[in-house]
Amino acid sequence: MANHGYRFRENNSKMLMPQETPWDYVFSKGECFFVKIHLKDGDVICGRYAGKSFTSAYPQAAQIFIEEQFILKKDGDEENLCIVDNSAGIWISENEISWIDFRVCDL
């Protein structure tokens, strides 16, 4: 029997989710995201996760392929993203990821 996850509803009751993990839930929605991936070594990778991007699903190890990579440039408190010229994407393994910040974007 599959070990499905739970999500809280607005009234704080639990709802059974068909996805196995939060990773599967987020990426199964088919949304476009700007992602800021914080790596375990302290580095940060930014990119656009959209139609040509891909993630693995349970029970496979979490992996992500981001179709466009960006460079994060800081100017004081302000952060700007600049696309990496000729970027064909970047693949990252769960072994490298500490946490991910998601920002919804338009396709």
Protein backbone atom coordinates (compact mmCIF):
# COMPACT_ATOMS: atom_id res chain seq x y z
CA MET A 1 0.00 0.00 0.00
CA ALA A 2 1.32 3.45 -0.94
CA ASN A 3 2.29 5.85 1.81
CA HIS A 4 0.48 8.99 0.65
CA GLY A 5 1.05 12.38 2.23
CA TYR A 6 -1.33 14.71 4.03
CA ARG A 7 -2.02 18.39 3.59
CA PHE A 8 -3.87 20.64 6.02
CA ARG A 9 -7.07 22.31 4.84
CA GLU A 10 -8.01 25.85 5.85
CA ASN A 11 -10.04 24.42 8.77
CA ASN A 12 -6.90 22.53 9.95
CA SER A 13 -8.32 19.10 9.09
CA LYS A 14 -6.08 16.71 7.17
CA MET A 15 -6.72 15.85 3.52
CA LEU A 16 -5.15 12.78 1.91
CA MET A 17 -2.94 13.76 -1.02
CA PRO A 18 -2.24 11.40 -3.94
CA GLN A 19 1.40 12.55 -4.13
CA GLU A 20 3.96 10.68 -2.08
CA THR A 21 6.13 13.63 -1.00
CA PRO A 22 5.97 17.43 -0.78
CA TRP A 23 8.49 17.41 -3.66
CA ASP A 24 5.99 15.48 -5.83
CA TYR A 25 3.13 17.76 -4.79
CA VAL A 26 4.89 21.01 -5.69
CA PHE A 27 6.17 19.84 -9.05
CA SER A 28 3.00 17.94 -10.06
CA LYS A 29 1.04 21.20 -10.21
CA GLY A 30 2.54 22.09 -13.61
CA GLU A 31 3.32 25.66 -12.59
CA CYS A 32 6.22 27.80 -13.72
CA PHE A 33 8.59 28.85 -10.94
CA PHE A 34 11.66 30.96 -10.51
CA VAL A 35 13.67 28.83 -8.10
CA LYS A 36 16.46 29.77 -5.77
CA ILE A 37 18.15 26.53 -4.76
CA HIS A 38 20.33 26.71 -1.67
CA LEU A 39 23.01 24.05 -1.76
CA LYS A 40 24.52 22.30 1.24
CA ASP A 41 27.92 23.87 0.49
CA GLY A 42 26.41 27.37 0.77
CA ASP A 43 26.21 28.10 -2.95
CA VAL A 44 22.94 29.26 -4.52
CA ILE A 45 21.63 28.28 -7.96
CA CYS A 46 18.81 30.26 -9.53
CA GLY A 47 16.75 29.40 -12.56
CA ARG A 48 13.40 29.12 -14.29
CA TYR A 49 11.49 25.88 -13.89
CA ALA A 50 8.96 25.66 -16.73
CA GLY A 51 7.81 23.42 -19.60
CA LYS A 52 11.25 22.03 -20.52
CA SER A 53 12.27 21.47 -16.90
CA PHE A 54 11.90 18.14 -15.14
CA THR A 55 11.89 16.59 -11.69
CA SER A 56 11.99 13.00 -10.55
CA ALA A 57 9.08 11.50 -8.60
CA TYR A 58 8.76 9.08 -5.70
CA PRO A 59 10.20 6.47 -5.25
CA GLN A 60 13.17 7.78 -7.25
CA ALA A 61 15.74 10.04 -5.58
CA ALA A 62 14.83 13.72 -5.88
CA GLN A 63 16.52 15.33 -8.87
CA ILE A 64 15.72 18.54 -10.68
CA PHE A 65 16.58 19.79 -14.16
CA ILE A 66 16.05 23.54 -14.58
CA GLU A 67 15.77 24.69 -18.18
CA GLU A 68 17.32 28.14 -17.69
CA GLN A 69 20.01 29.08 -15.21
CA PHE A 70 20.38 32.60 -13.81
CA ILE A 71 23.18 34.35 -11.96
CA LEU A 72 22.14 36.11 -8.77
CA LYS A 73 23.76 39.54 -8.53
CA LYS A 74 23.49 41.47 -5.28
CA ASP A 75 23.60 45.24 -5.12
CA GLY A 76 23.29 46.15 -1.44
CA ASP A 77 19.97 44.71 -0.27
CA GLU A 78 18.68 44.29 -3.82
CA GLU A 79 18.98 41.02 -5.74
CA ASN A 80 18.86 40.85 -9.54
CA LEU A 81 18.73 37.79 -11.78
CA CYS A 82 20.67 37.71 -15.03
CA ILE A 83 20.25 34.79 -17.43
CA VAL A 84 23.36 32.75 -18.12
CA ASP A 85 24.21 33.21 -21.82
CA ASN A 86 23.63 30.07 -23.87
CA SER A 87 22.24 28.24 -20.82
CA ALA A 88 20.92 24.81 -21.75
CA GLY A 89 19.84 24.18 -18.17
CA ILE A 90 21.31 22.62 -15.07
CA TRP A 91 20.73 19.31 -13.24
CA ILE A 92 20.92 19.10 -9.45
CA SER A 93 20.77 16.03 -7.20
CA GLU A 94 18.94 15.91 -3.85
CA ASN A 95 22.30 15.17 -2.22
CA GLU A 96 23.34 18.74 -2.98
CA ILE A 97 20.11 20.58 -2.05
CA SER A 98 19.54 22.13 1.36
CA TRP A 99 16.31 23.99 0.54
CA ILE A 100 14.46 25.69 -2.36
CA ASP A 101 12.71 29.06 -2.50
CA PHE A 102 9.88 29.14 -5.09
CA ARG A 103 8.50 32.23 -6.82
CA VAL A 104 5.56 31.82 -9.20
CA CYS A 105 6.23 33.17 -12.69
CA ASP A 106 4.30 33.49 -15.91
CA LEU A 107 5.23 31.24 -18.81
